[in-house]
Amino acid sequence: MTGLLFDIPATATPDISGLQHVPDFITEDEEQALMEAIDHQPWLSDLKRRVQHYGYKYDYKARAVADDSYLGPLPEWIEDIASRLSFKPDQAIVNEYLSGQGISAHVDCVPCFGDTIASLSLGSGATMQFTNGQEKHDLYLEPRSLVILSGPARHDWTHAIPARKSDMVNGFKVERHRRVSLAFRTVILNK
């Protein structure tokens, strides 16, 4: 691998404890199959972006996962990817971001989800911004790349995808197109 993305040098992973970035986690054929499977499922439009929930439904307004929100096991096309992870997710959210869309800085619900979360980028790339106090780092998430947050990266740093139509990657302008993220998490239910 040359470290190039569309003839643009790939960005280095910031030195944040618990942050892992895995380029080419899946193949182009796997990406295409995932996009087709996703596009054959119904979308929810409760937010500014379209989403799909699997395993458990996350309540964005309450910032909670209710005990009765179980939707069933992860579908086989998600489980195939989930089985390759170093943790056992039982919840997945598919988020669709059109060019110009993003998500504000946040830490995924700490009482709702386990210590490790992962997100797979499909379609288009985008820059993810990590912030902890005054410290800020950018990481360009290439199509088919996986980002894993655990420990401090999961709990102490916010992450965001700035809403814009392009990203600057090592001095090169990279246009955004439709990006789909597949986020994997483990639900913590109230006992």
C-alpha atoms as a PDB file:
ATOM      1  CA  MET A   1       0.000   0.000   0.000  1.00  0.00           C
ATOM      2  CA  THR A   2       1.389   3.374  -0.985  1.00  0.00           C
ATOM      3  CA  GLY A   3      -0.420   5.480   1.614  1.00  0.00           C
ATOM      4  CA  LEU A   4      -2.070   7.449  -1.168  1.00  0.00           C
ATOM      5  CA  LEU A   5      -5.764   8.175  -1.506  1.00  0.00           C
ATOM      6  CA  PHE A   6      -6.773   9.351  -4.960  1.00  0.00           C
ATOM      7  CA  ASP A   7      -3.125  10.463  -5.325  1.00  0.00           C
ATOM      8  CA  ILE A   8      -3.465  12.400  -2.055  1.00  0.00           C
ATOM      9  CA  PRO A   9      -1.226  11.374   0.849  1.00  0.00           C
ATOM     10  CA  ALA A  10      -3.317   9.831   3.631  1.00  0.00           C
ATOM     11  CA  THR A  11      -3.313  11.694   6.931  1.00  0.00           C
ATOM     12  CA  ALA A  12      -1.540  10.257   9.949  1.00  0.00           C
ATOM     13  CA  THR A  13      -3.600   9.006  12.876  1.00  0.00           C
ATOM     14  CA  PRO A  14      -3.459  11.521  15.750  1.00  0.00           C
ATOM     15  CA  ASP A  15      -1.667  10.400  18.909  1.00  0.00           C
ATOM     16  CA  ILE A  16      -4.773   9.960  21.063  1.00  0.00           C
ATOM     17  CA  SER A  17      -4.806   7.083  23.537  1.00  0.00           C
ATOM     18  CA  GLY A  18      -7.469   4.563  22.497  1.00  0.00           C
ATOM     19  CA  LEU A  19      -7.828   5.838  18.914  1.00  0.00           C
ATOM     20  CA  GLN A  20      -7.212   3.366  16.110  1.00  0.00           C
ATOM     21  CA  HIS A  21      -7.621   3.994  12.382  1.00  0.00           C
ATOM     22  CA  VAL A  22      -7.669   1.034   9.986  1.00  0.00           C
ATOM     23  CA  PRO A  23      -7.586   1.998   6.283  1.00  0.00           C
ATOM     24  CA  ASP A  24      -9.115  -0.513   3.851  1.00  0.00           C
ATOM     25  CA  PHE A  25     -10.842  -2.492   6.613  1.00  0.00           C
ATOM     26  CA  ILE A  26     -13.117  -3.904   3.904  1.00  0.00           C
ATOM     27  CA  THR A  27     -12.700  -4.374   0.150  1.00  0.00           C
ATOM     28  CA  GLU A  28     -14.412  -2.326  -2.560  1.00  0.00           C
ATOM     29  CA  ASP A  29     -16.653  -5.328  -3.334  1.00  0.00           C
ATOM     30  CA  GLU A  30     -17.659  -5.605   0.330  1.00  0.00           C
ATOM     31  CA  GLU A  31     -18.337  -1.866   0.425  1.00  0.00           C
ATOM     32  CA  GLN A  32     -20.598  -2.130  -2.630  1.00  0.00           C
ATOM     33  CA  ALA A  33     -22.480  -5.093  -1.139  1.00  0.00           C
ATOM     34  CA  LEU A  34     -22.964  -3.232   2.165  1.00  0.00           C
ATOM     35  CA  MET A  35     -24.245  -0.113   0.392  1.00  0.00           C
ATOM     36  CA  GLU A  36     -26.733  -2.232  -1.573  1.00  0.00           C
ATOM     37  CA  ALA A  37     -27.920  -4.020   1.584  1.00  0.00           C
ATOM     38  CA  ILE A  38     -28.292  -0.698   3.416  1.00  0.00           C
ATOM     39  CA  ASP A  39     -30.200   0.901   0.557  1.00  0.00           C
ATOM     40  CA  HIS A  40     -32.694  -1.991   0.561  1.00  0.00           C
ATOM     41  CA  GLN A  41     -33.637  -1.282   4.195  1.00  0.00           C
ATOM     42  CA  PRO A  42     -36.112   1.367   5.422  1.00  0.00           C
ATOM     43  CA  TRP A  43     -34.700   4.689   6.622  1.00  0.00           C
ATOM     44  CA  LEU A  44     -35.825   6.808   9.574  1.00  0.00           C
ATOM     45  CA  SER A  45     -35.856  10.560   9.000  1.00  0.00           C
ATOM     46  CA  ASP A  46     -36.287  11.774  12.603  1.00  0.00           C
ATOM     47  CA  LEU A  47     -33.020  13.736  12.403  1.00  0.00           C
ATOM     48  CA  LYS A  48     -31.462  16.074   9.853  1.00  0.00           C
ATOM     49  CA  ARG A  49     -29.931  12.923   8.366  1.00  0.00           C
ATOM     50  CA  ARG A  50     -31.384   9.526   7.560  1.00  0.00           C
ATOM     51  CA  VAL A  51     -30.606   6.656   9.946  1.00  0.00           C
ATOM     52  CA  GLN A  52     -31.222   2.939  10.442  1.00  0.00           C
ATOM     53  CA  HIS A  53     -31.102   1.134  13.803  1.00  0.00           C
ATOM     54  CA  TYR A  54     -30.170  -2.517  14.337  1.00  0.00           C
ATOM     55  CA  GLY A  55     -29.993  -4.593  17.511  1.00  0.00           C
ATOM     56  CA  TYR A  56     -31.341  -1.829  19.755  1.00  0.00           C
ATOM     57  CA  LYS A  57     -32.962   1.497  18.929  1.00  0.00           C
ATOM     58  CA  TYR A  58     -31.194   4.521  20.375  1.00  0.00           C
ATOM     59  CA  ASP A  59     -33.456   7.374  21.563  1.00  0.00           C
ATOM     60  CA  TYR A  60     -31.676  10.572  20.511  1.00  0.00           C
ATOM     61  CA  LYS A  61     -33.981  12.878  22.491  1.00  0.00           C
ATOM     62  CA  ALA A  62     -33.680  10.941  25.761  1.00  0.00           C
ATOM     63  CA  ARG A  63     -30.031  10.029  25.040  1.00  0.00           C
ATOM     64  CA  ALA A  64     -30.854   6.516  26.179  1.00  0.00           C
ATOM     65  CA  VAL A  65     -31.396   2.933  25.124  1.00  0.00           C
ATOM     66  CA  ALA A  66     -34.579   1.649  26.754  1.00  0.00           C
ATOM     67  CA  ASP A  67     -34.707  -1.934  28.006  1.00  0.00           C
ATOM     68  CA  ASP A  68     -37.635  -2.575  25.640  1.00  0.00           C
ATOM     69  CA  SER A  69     -35.890  -1.125  22.564  1.00  0.00           C
ATOM     70  CA  TYR A  70     -34.517  -4.466  21.348  1.00  0.00           C
ATOM     71  CA  LEU A  71     -35.164  -4.857  17.627  1.00  0.00           C
ATOM     72  CA  GLY A  72     -33.676  -8.321  17.173  1.00  0.00           C
ATOM     73  CA  PRO A  73     -30.251  -9.716  16.335  1.00  0.00           C
ATOM     74  CA  LEU A  74     -27.953  -7.873  13.965  1.00  0.00           C
ATOM     75  CA  PRO A  75     -28.673  -8.837  10.351  1.00  0.00           C
ATOM     76  CA  GLU A  76     -26.192 -11.202   8.732  1.00  0.00           C
ATOM     77  CA  TRP A  77     -24.727  -8.476   6.491  1.00  0.00           C
ATOM     78  CA  ILE A  78     -23.857  -6.417   9.605  1.00  0.00           C
ATOM     79  CA  GLU A  79     -22.824  -9.408  11.714  1.00  0.00           C
ATOM     80  CA  ASP A  80     -20.269 -10.373   9.046  1.00  0.00           C
ATOM     81  CA  ILE A  81     -18.439  -7.077   9.662  1.00  0.00           C
ATOM     82  CA  ALA A  82     -19.093  -7.059  13.433  1.00  0.00           C
ATOM     83  CA  SER A  83     -17.473 -10.493  13.779  1.00  0.00           C
ATOM     84  CA  ARG A  84     -14.148  -9.014  12.613  1.00  0.00           C
ATOM     85  CA  LEU A  85     -14.014  -6.487  15.452  1.00  0.00           C
ATOM     86  CA  SER A  86     -12.077  -6.937  18.695  1.00  0.00           C
ATOM     87  CA  PHE A  87     -15.294  -6.515  20.709  1.00  0.00           C
ATOM     88  CA  LYS A  88     -18.794  -7.990  20.356  1.00  0.00           C
ATOM     89  CA  PRO A  89     -21.247  -5.252  19.339  1.00  0.00           C
ATOM     90  CA  ASP A  90     -24.969  -5.881  19.699  1.00  0.00           C
ATOM     91  CA  GLN A  91     -26.111  -2.535  18.295  1.00  0.00           C
ATOM     92  CA  ALA A  92     -25.446  -0.789  15.001  1.00  0.00           C
ATOM     93  CA  ILE A  93     -26.580   2.528  13.603  1.00  0.00           C
ATOM     94  CA  VAL A  94     -26.335   3.437   9.948  1.00  0.00           C
ATOM     95  CA  ASN A  95     -26.025   7.196   9.349  1.00  0.00           C
ATOM     96  CA  GLU A  96     -26.293   8.817   5.922  1.00  0.00           C
ATOM     97  CA  TYR A  97     -24.445  12.094   5.347  1.00  0.00           C
ATOM     98  CA  LEU A  98     -24.970  13.949   2.090  1.00  0.00           C
ATOM     99  CA  SER A  99     -22.409  16.486   0.902  1.00  0.00           C
ATOM    100  CA  GLY A 100     -22.573  19.437   3.304  1.00  0.00           C
ATOM    101  CA  GLN A 101     -23.954  17.401   6.224  1.00  0.00           C
ATOM    102  CA  GLY A 102     -22.116  16.479   9.411  1.00  0.00           C
ATOM    103  CA  ILE A 103     -22.622  15.751  13.089  1.00  0.00           C
ATOM    104  CA  SER A 104     -21.784  18.071  15.974  1.00  0.00           C
ATOM    105  CA  ALA A 105     -19.121  17.318  18.584  1.00  0.00           C
ATOM    106  CA  HIS A 106     -20.229  14.648  21.036  1.00  0.00           C
ATOM    107  CA  VAL A 107     -19.215  11.702  23.175  1.00  0.00           C
ATOM    108  CA  ASP A 108     -21.415   8.671  22.527  1.00  0.00           C
ATOM    109  CA  CYS A 109     -23.746   8.107  25.493  1.00  0.00           C
ATOM    110  CA  VAL A 110     -21.480   6.788  28.275  1.00  0.00           C
ATOM    111  CA  PRO A 111     -24.165   5.060  30.397  1.00  0.00           C
ATOM    112  CA  CYS A 112     -25.711   3.535  27.238  1.00  0.00           C
ATOM    113  CA  PHE A 113     -22.731   1.991  25.465  1.00  0.00           C
ATOM    114  CA  GLY A 114     -19.624   0.014  26.367  1.00  0.00           C
ATOM    115  CA  ASP A 115     -15.996   1.135  26.395  1.00  0.00           C
ATOM    116  CA  THR A 116     -15.369   0.543  22.693  1.00  0.00           C
ATOM    117  CA  ILE A 117     -17.188   1.888  19.649  1.00  0.00           C
ATOM    118  CA  ALA A 118     -16.252   1.567  16.003  1.00  0.00           C
ATOM    119  CA  SER A 119     -17.375   3.281  12.814  1.00  0.00           C
ATOM    120  CA  LEU A 120     -16.943   2.106   9.237  1.00  0.00           C
ATOM    121  CA  SER A 121     -16.989   4.742   6.464  1.00  0.00           C
ATOM    122  CA  LEU A 122     -18.698   3.820   3.198  1.00  0.00           C
ATOM    123  CA  GLY A 123     -19.034   5.758  -0.053  1.00  0.00           C
ATOM    124  CA  SER A 124     -17.226   9.025   0.560  1.00  0.00           C
ATOM    125  CA  GLY A 125     -14.567  10.062   3.023  1.00  0.00           C
ATOM    126  CA  ALA A 126     -14.834  12.845   5.596  1.00  0.00           C
ATOM    127  CA  THR A 127     -12.696  14.511   8.231  1.00  0.00           C
ATOM    128  CA  MET A 128     -13.449  13.599  11.838  1.00  0.00           C
ATOM    129  CA  GLN A 129     -12.411  16.193  14.415  1.00  0.00           C
ATOM    130  CA  PHE A 130     -11.369  15.150  17.915  1.00  0.00           C
ATOM    131  CA  THR A 131     -11.400  17.745  20.707  1.00  0.00           C
ATOM    132  CA  ASN A 132     -10.307  17.589  24.348  1.00  0.00           C
ATOM    133  CA  GLY A 133     -10.290  21.027  25.982  1.00  0.00           C
ATOM    134  CA  GLN A 134      -8.057  23.237  23.827  1.00  0.00           C
ATOM    135  CA  GLU A 135      -6.454  20.297  22.028  1.00  0.00           C
ATOM    136  CA  LYS A 136      -7.872  19.464  18.595  1.00  0.00           C
ATOM    137  CA  HIS A 137      -6.909  16.875  15.977  1.00  0.00           C
ATOM    138  CA  ASP A 138      -8.301  16.039  12.538  1.00  0.00           C
ATOM    139  CA  LEU A 139      -8.363  12.578  10.983  1.00  0.00           C
ATOM    140  CA  TYR A 140      -9.491  11.964   7.417  1.00  0.00           C
ATOM    141  CA  LEU A 141     -11.643   8.824   7.272  1.00  0.00           C
ATOM    142  CA  GLU A 142     -11.185   7.280   3.854  1.00  0.00           C
ATOM    143  CA  PRO A 143     -13.929   5.157   2.280  1.00  0.00           C
ATOM    144  CA  ARG A 144     -13.761   1.594   3.669  1.00  0.00           C
ATOM    145  CA  SER A 145     -11.737   2.708   6.700  1.00  0.00           C
ATOM    146  CA  LEU A 146     -12.614   1.827  10.277  1.00  0.00           C
ATOM    147  CA  VAL A 147     -12.103   4.116  13.258  1.00  0.00           C
ATOM    148  CA  ILE A 148     -12.137   2.582  16.748  1.00  0.00           C
ATOM    149  CA  LEU A 149     -12.560   4.628  19.930  1.00  0.00           C
ATOM    150  CA  SER A 150     -11.856   3.132  23.352  1.00  0.00           C
ATOM    151  CA  GLY A 151     -10.613   4.375  26.715  1.00  0.00           C
ATOM    152  CA  PRO A 152      -9.669   8.089  26.614  1.00  0.00           C
ATOM    153  CA  ALA A 153     -10.556   8.452  22.903  1.00  0.00           C
ATOM    154  CA  ARG A 154     -14.033   7.139  23.689  1.00  0.00           C
ATOM    155  CA  HIS A 155     -14.674   8.940  27.000  1.00  0.00           C
ATOM    156  CA  ASP A 156     -12.488  12.080  27.146  1.00  0.00           C
ATOM    157  CA  TRP A 157     -12.472  13.335  23.550  1.00  0.00           C
ATOM    158  CA  THR A 158     -15.463  14.569  21.584  1.00  0.00           C
ATOM    159  CA  HIS A 159     -15.666  13.614  17.931  1.00  0.00           C
ATOM    160  CA  ALA A 160     -17.466  15.424  15.125  1.00  0.00           C
ATOM    161  CA  ILE A 161     -17.833  15.484  11.356  1.00  0.00           C
ATOM    162  CA  PRO A 162     -17.914  19.170  10.354  1.00  0.00           C
ATOM    163  CA  ALA A 163     -20.794  20.040   8.010  1.00  0.00           C
ATOM    164  CA  ARG A 164     -19.110  21.031   4.743  1.00  0.00           C
ATOM    165  CA  LYS A 165     -18.896  19.999   1.092  1.00  0.00           C
ATOM    166  CA  SER A 166     -15.159  19.276   0.986  1.00  0.00           C
ATOM    167  CA  ASP A 167     -12.176  18.560   3.202  1.00  0.00           C
ATOM    168  CA  MET A 168      -8.573  19.702   3.009  1.00  0.00           C
ATOM    169  CA  VAL A 169      -6.361  16.620   3.212  1.00  0.00           C
ATOM    170  CA  ASN A 170      -2.636  17.377   3.338  1.00  0.00           C
ATOM    171  CA  GLY A 171      -3.177  20.548   1.323  1.00  0.00           C
ATOM    172  CA  PHE A 172      -5.489  18.979  -1.269  1.00  0.00           C
ATOM    173  CA  LYS A 173      -9.206  19.723  -1.564  1.00  0.00           C
ATOM    174  CA  VAL A 174     -11.257  16.501  -1.499  1.00  0.00           C
ATOM    175  CA  GLU A 175     -14.943  16.863  -2.428  1.00  0.00           C
ATOM    176  CA  ARG A 176     -17.464  15.027  -0.287  1.00  0.00           C
ATOM    177  CA  HIS A 177     -20.209  12.897  -1.753  1.00  0.00           C
ATOM    178  CA  ARG A 178     -22.748  10.639  -0.080  1.00  0.00           C
ATOM    179  CA  ARG A 179     -21.120   9.037   2.964  1.00  0.00           C
ATOM    180  CA  VAL A 180     -22.677   6.256   4.992  1.00  0.00           C
ATOM    181  CA  SER A 181     -21.248   5.328   8.383  1.00  0.00           C
ATOM    182  CA  LEU A 182     -21.925   2.052  10.104  1.00  0.00           C
ATOM    183  CA  ALA A 183     -21.387   2.524  13.855  1.00  0.00           C
ATOM    184  CA  PHE A 184     -20.943  -0.520  16.100  1.00  0.00           C
ATOM    185  CA  ARG A 185     -21.581  -0.404  19.849  1.00  0.00           C
ATOM    186  CA  THR A 186     -22.354  -2.654  22.817  1.00  0.00           C
ATOM    187  CA  VAL A 187     -25.465  -1.675  24.760  1.00  0.00           C
ATOM    188  CA  ILE A 188     -25.448  -1.396  28.567  1.00  0.00           C
ATOM    189  CA  LEU A 189     -28.961  -2.118  29.791  1.00  0.00           C
ATOM    190  CA  ASN A 190     -30.328  -0.962  33.143  1.00  0.00           C
ATOM    191  CA  LYS A 191     -30.452  -3.953  35.447  1.00  0.00           C
END
